[in-house]
Amino acid sequence: MRRLSLIGSGFAVALAGGLVLTGCDQASQSVKDAATGAVQTAIGPAVAPVLDLLKQGQSKVAAGDLAGATASMGGFQAVWDKAAPVIKPLAGDKWTGIETAAQGITNTFAKDTLSAADANAAIGGLIGPLSALAGK
């Protein structure tokens, strides 16, 4: 009988421990969600002008207007220089990829001969991570 009581007590302790851990996991997820929301709120105003410019360039490339896309993207560096100091500390480990993609935009649109494929790849390479960071 004592053995059955010990087994029952052990089961109760294990069950209680599992419930506590489940509560911790849920609290941890809530904290992560809150942190993600805070980053997205803080980063939104910095990312919006960059994304707007990228989408403008993307639509000009899609319309076959590579000269127009190049002219639009000529303003990229100035917009990026304002946004990057805000984005960098909030991007965490994603910053290196974002910075590399931004450099790709600059390099691509500085070429003498621009192809639609290169332009789309460069623009898409930055739109993706910035949109994800901003929660869009």
N, C-alpha and C. Protein backbone atom coordinates (compact mmCIF):
# COMPACT_ATOMS: atom_id res chain seq x y z
N MET A 1 0.81 -1.18 0.00
CA MET A 1 0.00 0.00 0.00
C MET A 1 0.87 1.26 0.00
N ARG A 2 1.95 1.20 0.81
CA ARG A 2 2.87 2.33 0.90
C ARG A 2 3.52 2.58 -0.48
N ARG A 3 3.82 1.51 -1.18
CA ARG A 3 4.42 1.61 -2.49
C ARG A 3 3.48 2.31 -3.47
N LEU A 4 2.22 1.97 -3.44
CA LEU A 4 1.21 2.59 -4.29
C LEU A 4 1.08 4.07 -3.96
N SER A 5 1.15 4.40 -2.68
CA SER A 5 1.06 5.79 -2.25
C SER A 5 2.25 6.59 -2.78
N LEU A 6 3.44 6.01 -2.74
CA LEU A 6 4.63 6.69 -3.25
C LEU A 6 4.56 6.90 -4.76
N ILE A 7 4.05 5.90 -5.45
CA ILE A 7 3.89 6.01 -6.90
C ILE A 7 2.88 7.10 -7.22
N GLY A 8 1.79 7.10 -6.51
CA GLY A 8 0.76 8.13 -6.71
C GLY A 8 1.30 9.51 -6.41
N SER A 9 2.10 9.66 -5.34
CA SER A 9 2.70 10.95 -4.99
C SER A 9 3.68 11.39 -6.07
N GLY A 10 4.46 10.45 -6.56
CA GLY A 10 5.41 10.76 -7.63
C GLY A 10 4.71 11.23 -8.88
N PHE A 11 3.60 10.61 -9.22
CA PHE A 11 2.81 11.00 -10.38
C PHE A 11 2.26 12.41 -10.19
N ALA A 12 1.77 12.70 -9.00
CA ALA A 12 1.21 14.02 -8.71
C ALA A 12 2.29 15.09 -8.83
N VAL A 13 3.49 14.81 -8.32
CA VAL A 13 4.59 15.77 -8.40
C VAL A 13 4.99 15.99 -9.87
N ALA A 14 5.07 14.92 -10.63
CA ALA A 14 5.43 15.02 -12.05
C ALA A 14 4.38 15.83 -12.81
N LEU A 15 3.12 15.59 -12.52
CA LEU A 15 2.03 16.31 -13.17
C LEU A 15 2.09 17.79 -12.81
N ALA A 16 2.30 18.10 -11.55
CA ALA A 16 2.40 19.49 -11.11
C ALA A 16 3.59 20.18 -11.76
N GLY A 17 4.71 19.49 -11.82
CA GLY A 17 5.90 20.05 -12.47
C GLY A 17 5.65 20.33 -13.94
N GLY A 18 4.96 19.44 -14.60
CA GLY A 18 4.64 19.64 -16.01
C GLY A 18 3.74 20.84 -16.21
N LEU A 19 2.79 21.03 -15.32
CA LEU A 19 1.91 22.18 -15.42
C LEU A 19 2.67 23.48 -15.20
N VAL A 20 3.59 23.48 -14.26
CA VAL A 20 4.40 24.68 -14.01
C VAL A 20 5.25 24.99 -15.22
N LEU A 21 5.87 23.98 -15.80
CA LEU A 21 6.70 24.20 -16.99
C LEU A 21 5.88 24.70 -18.16
N THR A 22 4.68 24.17 -18.32
CA THR A 22 3.80 24.65 -19.38
C THR A 22 3.50 26.12 -19.18
N GLY A 23 3.24 26.50 -17.95
CA GLY A 23 3.00 27.91 -17.64
C GLY A 23 4.21 28.77 -17.95
N CYS A 24 5.40 28.27 -17.66
CA CYS A 24 6.64 29.00 -17.97
C CYS A 24 6.81 29.16 -19.47
N ASP A 25 6.53 28.10 -20.23
CA ASP A 25 6.64 28.17 -21.68
C ASP A 25 5.69 29.22 -22.25
N GLN A 26 4.46 29.24 -21.72
CA GLN A 26 3.48 30.22 -22.19
C GLN A 26 3.91 31.63 -21.83
N ALA A 27 4.43 31.82 -20.63
CA ALA A 27 4.91 33.14 -20.22
C ALA A 27 6.09 33.56 -21.08
N SER A 28 6.99 32.63 -21.35
CA SER A 28 8.15 32.91 -22.19
C SER A 28 7.70 33.32 -23.60
N GLN A 29 6.73 32.64 -24.14
CA GLN A 29 6.22 32.96 -25.47
C GLN A 29 5.56 34.34 -25.45
N SER A 30 4.84 34.66 -24.38
CA SER A 30 4.21 35.97 -24.27
C SER A 30 5.25 37.08 -24.25
N VAL A 31 6.34 36.85 -23.54
CA VAL A 31 7.42 37.84 -23.50
C VAL A 31 8.04 38.00 -24.88
N LYS A 32 8.26 36.89 -25.59
CA LYS A 32 8.82 36.96 -26.94
C LYS A 32 7.88 37.71 -27.87
N ASP A 33 6.59 37.44 -27.77
CA ASP A 33 5.61 38.12 -28.61
C ASP A 33 5.59 39.62 -28.32
N ALA A 34 5.66 39.98 -27.05
CA ALA A 34 5.68 41.39 -26.66
C ALA A 34 6.93 42.07 -27.18
N ALA A 35 8.06 41.40 -27.09
CA ALA A 35 9.32 41.97 -27.58
C ALA A 35 9.28 42.16 -29.09
N THR A 36 8.73 41.17 -29.80
CA THR A 36 8.61 41.28 -31.25
C THR A 36 7.71 42.45 -31.62
N GLY A 37 6.60 42.59 -30.91
CA GLY A 37 5.69 43.71 -31.17
C GLY A 37 6.35 45.05 -30.91
N ALA A 38 7.16 45.13 -29.85
CA ALA A 38 7.86 46.38 -29.52
C ALA A 38 8.87 46.73 -30.61
N VAL A 39 9.60 45.74 -31.10
CA VAL A 39 10.57 45.97 -32.17
C VAL A 39 9.85 46.45 -33.42
N GLN A 40 8.75 45.78 -33.77
CA GLN A 40 8.01 46.16 -34.97
C GLN A 40 7.45 47.57 -34.86
N THR A 41 6.99 47.96 -33.67
CA THR A 41 6.47 49.31 -33.46
C THR A 41 7.59 50.33 -33.58
N ALA A 42 8.73 50.04 -32.99
CA ALA A 42 9.86 50.96 -33.01
C ALA A 42 10.47 51.09 -34.40
N ILE A 43 10.50 50.01 -35.13
CA ILE A 43 11.21 50.00 -36.41
C ILE A 43 10.34 50.50 -37.57
N GLY A 44 9.04 50.44 -37.41
CA GLY A 44 8.13 50.82 -38.48
C GLY A 44 8.42 52.15 -39.14
N PRO A 45 8.54 53.24 -38.37
CA PRO A 45 8.80 54.54 -38.99
C PRO A 45 10.14 54.62 -39.72
N ALA A 46 11.11 53.85 -39.31
CA ALA A 46 12.41 53.86 -39.99
C ALA A 46 12.38 53.03 -41.26
N VAL A 47 11.66 51.93 -41.23
CA VAL A 47 11.63 51.01 -42.37
C VAL A 47 10.67 51.49 -43.47
N ALA A 48 9.61 52.18 -43.11
CA ALA A 48 8.58 52.56 -44.08
C ALA A 48 9.13 53.33 -45.29
N PRO A 49 9.95 54.37 -45.10
CA PRO A 49 10.46 55.07 -46.29
C PRO A 49 11.35 54.20 -47.17
N VAL A 50 12.11 53.32 -46.55
CA VAL A 50 12.97 52.42 -47.32
C VAL A 50 12.11 51.47 -48.13
N LEU A 51 11.12 50.85 -47.49
CA LEU A 51 10.24 49.92 -48.20
C LEU A 51 9.47 50.63 -49.30
N ASP A 52 9.01 51.86 -49.04
CA ASP A 52 8.28 52.61 -50.07
C ASP A 52 9.16 52.84 -51.30
N LEU A 53 10.41 53.22 -51.07
CA LEU A 53 11.33 53.46 -52.19
C LEU A 53 11.62 52.16 -52.94
N LEU A 54 11.83 51.08 -52.20
CA LEU A 54 12.09 49.78 -52.83
C LEU A 54 10.91 49.32 -53.67
N LYS A 55 9.71 49.50 -53.14
CA LYS A 55 8.51 49.09 -53.89
C LYS A 55 8.30 49.95 -55.12
N GLN A 56 8.64 51.23 -55.01
CA GLN A 56 8.56 52.12 -56.18
C GLN A 56 9.53 51.64 -57.26
N GLY A 57 10.76 51.34 -56.87
CA GLY A 57 11.74 50.83 -57.82
C GLY A 57 11.31 49.51 -58.41
N GLN A 58 10.76 48.64 -57.56
CA GLN A 58 10.30 47.33 -58.02
C GLN A 58 9.18 47.47 -59.06
N SER A 59 8.26 48.38 -58.85
CA SER A 59 7.16 48.53 -59.81
C SER A 59 7.67 49.12 -61.13
N LYS A 60 8.67 49.98 -61.06
CA LYS A 60 9.23 50.52 -62.31
C LYS A 60 9.98 49.44 -63.08
N VAL A 61 10.68 48.57 -62.36
CA VAL A 61 11.36 47.45 -63.02
C VAL A 61 10.31 46.54 -63.66
N ALA A 62 9.26 46.25 -62.94
CA ALA A 62 8.19 45.38 -63.47
C ALA A 62 7.54 45.98 -64.72
N ALA A 63 7.48 47.31 -64.78
CA ALA A 63 6.90 47.99 -65.95
C ALA A 63 7.90 48.12 -67.09
N GLY A 64 9.13 47.64 -66.87
CA GLY A 64 10.15 47.71 -67.92
C GLY A 64 10.88 49.05 -67.96
N ASP A 65 10.67 49.88 -66.97
CA ASP A 65 11.28 51.20 -66.92
C ASP A 65 12.55 51.15 -66.06
N LEU A 66 13.61 50.58 -66.62
CA LEU A 66 14.86 50.45 -65.87
C LEU A 66 15.50 51.81 -65.60
N ALA A 67 15.36 52.75 -66.53
CA ALA A 67 15.90 54.09 -66.31
C ALA A 67 15.17 54.77 -65.15
N GLY A 68 13.86 54.61 -65.11
CA GLY A 68 13.06 55.18 -64.01
C GLY A 68 13.40 54.52 -62.68
N ALA A 69 13.61 53.21 -62.71
CA ALA A 69 13.98 52.49 -61.50
C ALA A 69 15.34 52.97 -60.99
N THR A 70 16.27 53.16 -61.92
CA THR A 70 17.59 53.64 -61.54
C THR A 70 17.50 55.04 -60.96
N ALA A 71 16.67 55.89 -61.55
CA ALA A 71 16.50 57.25 -61.02
C ALA A 71 15.89 57.21 -59.62
N SER A 72 14.88 56.39 -59.44
CA SER A 72 14.25 56.26 -58.12
C SER A 72 15.23 55.76 -57.09
N MET A 73 15.97 54.73 -57.44
CA MET A 73 16.89 54.11 -56.50
C MET A 73 18.14 54.97 -56.27
N GLY A 74 18.29 56.03 -57.07
CA GLY A 74 19.38 56.97 -56.84
C GLY A 74 19.26 57.63 -55.47
N GLY A 75 18.05 57.70 -54.93
CA GLY A 75 17.83 58.27 -53.61
C GLY A 75 17.94 57.26 -52.48
N PHE A 76 18.27 56.03 -52.82
CA PHE A 76 18.30 54.97 -51.81
C PHE A 76 19.32 55.24 -50.71
N GLN A 77 20.52 55.63 -51.08
CA GLN A 77 21.58 55.77 -50.08
C GLN A 77 21.22 56.80 -49.01
N ALA A 78 20.60 57.90 -49.41
CA ALA A 78 20.22 58.94 -48.44
C ALA A 78 19.14 58.42 -47.49
N VAL A 79 18.17 57.71 -48.03
CA VAL A 79 17.10 57.14 -47.20
C VAL A 79 17.67 56.07 -46.27
N TRP A 80 18.55 55.24 -46.82
CA TRP A 80 19.17 54.17 -46.03
C TRP A 80 20.03 54.73 -44.91
N ASP A 81 20.78 55.79 -45.20
CA ASP A 81 21.65 56.39 -44.19
C ASP A 81 20.87 56.91 -42.99
N LYS A 82 19.64 57.34 -43.21
CA LYS A 82 18.78 57.79 -42.10
C LYS A 82 18.17 56.61 -41.35
N ALA A 83 17.81 55.56 -42.08
CA ALA A 83 17.10 54.42 -41.48
C ALA A 83 18.04 53.44 -40.78
N ALA A 84 19.21 53.23 -41.32
CA ALA A 84 20.12 52.19 -40.82
C ALA A 84 20.45 52.32 -39.33
N PRO A 85 20.73 53.53 -38.81
CA PRO A 85 21.06 53.61 -37.38
C PRO A 85 19.91 53.18 -36.46
N VAL A 86 18.68 53.28 -36.93
CA VAL A 86 17.53 52.83 -36.14
C VAL A 86 17.34 51.32 -36.31
N ILE A 87 17.52 50.85 -37.51
CA ILE A 87 17.29 49.43 -37.81
C ILE A 87 18.36 48.55 -37.17
N LYS A 88 19.61 48.99 -37.23
CA LYS A 88 20.73 48.15 -36.79
C LYS A 88 20.56 47.57 -35.38
N PRO A 89 20.30 48.38 -34.35
CA PRO A 89 20.21 47.79 -33.01
C PRO A 89 18.97 46.93 -32.80
N LEU A 90 17.95 47.15 -33.61
CA LEU A 90 16.72 46.38 -33.47
C LEU A 90 16.73 45.10 -34.30
N ALA A 91 17.62 45.04 -35.29
CA ALA A 91 17.67 43.89 -36.19
C ALA A 91 18.38 42.69 -35.57
N GLY A 92 19.21 42.93 -34.56
CA GLY A 92 19.92 41.84 -33.91
C GLY A 92 20.79 41.08 -34.88
N ASP A 93 20.70 39.76 -34.86
CA ASP A 93 21.55 38.92 -35.69
C ASP A 93 21.18 38.97 -37.17
N LYS A 94 20.09 39.64 -37.51
CA LYS A 94 19.69 39.78 -38.92
C LYS A 94 20.40 40.96 -39.59
N TRP A 95 21.06 41.79 -38.79
CA TRP A 95 21.65 43.01 -39.33
C TRP A 95 22.65 42.74 -40.45
N THR A 96 23.52 41.78 -40.30
CA THR A 96 24.55 41.51 -41.31
C THR A 96 23.91 41.24 -42.67
N GLY A 97 22.88 40.42 -42.70
CA GLY A 97 22.19 40.12 -43.95
C GLY A 97 21.49 41.34 -44.53
N ILE A 98 20.90 42.14 -43.66
CA ILE A 98 20.21 43.35 -44.11
C ILE A 98 21.21 44.34 -44.70
N GLU A 99 22.32 44.54 -44.01
CA GLU A 99 23.34 45.46 -44.49
C GLU A 99 23.94 44.98 -45.81
N THR A 100 24.15 43.68 -45.93
CA THR A 100 24.66 43.12 -47.19
C THR A 100 23.67 43.36 -48.33
N ALA A 101 22.39 43.17 -48.05
CA ALA A 101 21.36 43.40 -49.08
C ALA A 101 21.30 44.88 -49.47
N ALA A 102 21.44 45.77 -48.49
CA ALA A 102 21.43 47.21 -48.79
C ALA A 102 22.63 47.57 -49.67
N GLN A 103 23.77 46.99 -49.37
CA GLN A 103 24.96 47.24 -50.19
C GLN A 103 24.73 46.68 -51.60
N GLY A 104 24.02 45.57 -51.69
CA GLY A 104 23.69 45.01 -53.00
C GLY A 104 22.83 45.94 -53.84
N ILE A 105 21.91 46.65 -53.20
CA ILE A 105 21.08 47.65 -53.90
C ILE A 105 22.00 48.73 -54.49
N THR A 106 22.85 49.27 -53.65
CA THR A 106 23.75 50.34 -54.08
C THR A 106 24.62 49.88 -55.24
N ASN A 107 25.21 48.71 -55.10
CA ASN A 107 26.09 48.19 -56.15
C ASN A 107 25.34 47.90 -57.44
N THR A 108 24.17 47.32 -57.33
CA THR A 108 23.39 46.95 -58.52
C THR A 108 22.97 48.18 -59.31
N PHE A 109 22.47 49.19 -58.62
CA PHE A 109 21.97 50.36 -59.34
C PHE A 109 23.08 51.34 -59.73
N ALA A 110 24.31 51.05 -59.36
CA ALA A 110 25.46 51.86 -59.79
C ALA A 110 26.08 51.31 -61.07
N LYS A 111 25.62 50.13 -61.50
CA LYS A 111 26.17 49.51 -62.71
C LYS A 111 25.82 50.34 -63.94
N ASP A 112 26.72 50.30 -64.93
CA ASP A 112 26.45 50.98 -66.20
C ASP A 112 25.33 50.30 -66.96
N THR A 113 25.29 48.98 -66.89
CA THR A 113 24.25 48.21 -67.57
C THR A 113 23.46 47.44 -66.52
N LEU A 114 22.21 47.79 -66.39
CA LEU A 114 21.33 47.17 -65.39
C LEU A 114 20.36 46.22 -66.08
N SER A 115 20.25 45.02 -65.55
CA SER A 115 19.25 44.09 -66.07
C SER A 115 18.08 44.05 -65.10
N ALA A 116 16.92 43.73 -65.63
CA ALA A 116 15.72 43.62 -64.80
C ALA A 116 15.91 42.52 -63.75
N ALA A 117 16.56 41.44 -64.13
CA ALA A 117 16.77 40.32 -63.20
C ALA A 117 17.64 40.75 -62.03
N ASP A 118 18.73 41.48 -62.32
CA ASP A 118 19.61 41.96 -61.25
C ASP A 118 18.88 42.95 -60.34
N ALA A 119 18.12 43.84 -60.96
CA ALA A 119 17.38 44.85 -60.18
C ALA A 119 16.36 44.18 -59.27
N ASN A 120 15.61 43.24 -59.82
CA ASN A 120 14.61 42.52 -59.02
C ASN A 120 15.25 41.73 -57.88
N ALA A 121 16.36 41.09 -58.17
CA ALA A 121 17.05 40.31 -57.14
C ALA A 121 17.56 41.21 -56.02
N ALA A 122 18.13 42.34 -56.37
CA ALA A 122 18.66 43.26 -55.36
C ALA A 122 17.53 43.84 -54.51
N ILE A 123 16.48 44.30 -55.16
CA ILE A 123 15.34 44.89 -54.43
C ILE A 123 14.68 43.83 -53.55
N GLY A 124 14.42 42.67 -54.12
CA GLY A 124 13.79 41.59 -53.35
C GLY A 124 14.65 41.13 -52.19
N GLY A 125 15.98 41.20 -52.36
CA GLY A 125 16.89 40.80 -51.30
C GLY A 125 16.82 41.67 -50.07
N LEU A 126 16.33 42.90 -50.22
CA LEU A 126 16.19 43.78 -49.07
C LEU A 126 14.74 43.90 -48.61
N ILE A 127 13.81 43.85 -49.55
CA ILE A 127 12.39 43.93 -49.17
C ILE A 127 12.03 42.78 -48.23
N GLY A 128 12.49 41.58 -48.55
CA GLY A 128 12.15 40.40 -47.71
C GLY A 128 12.53 40.56 -46.25
N PRO A 129 13.81 40.77 -45.94
CA PRO A 129 14.19 40.87 -44.53
C PRO A 129 13.63 42.11 -43.82
N LEU A 130 13.53 43.23 -44.54
CA LEU A 130 12.97 44.42 -43.88
C LEU A 130 11.49 44.24 -43.59
N SER A 131 10.76 43.65 -44.52
CA SER A 131 9.34 43.39 -44.30
C SER A 131 9.13 42.44 -43.13
N ALA A 132 9.95 41.42 -43.07
CA ALA A 132 9.85 40.46 -41.95
C ALA A 132 10.14 41.14 -40.63
N LEU A 133 11.15 41.98 -40.60
CA LEU A 133 11.52 42.68 -39.38
C LEU A 133 10.40 43.63 -38.93
N ALA A 134 9.75 44.27 -39.90
CA ALA A 134 8.68 45.21 -39.60
C ALA A 134 7.35 44.50 -39.39
N GLY A 135 7.30 43.20 -39.64
CA GLY A 135 6.05 42.45 -39.46
C GLY A 135 5.05 42.70 -40.57
N LYS A 136 5.54 42.98 -41.78
CA LYS A 136 4.65 43.25 -42.91
C LYS A 136 4.67 42.12 -43.89
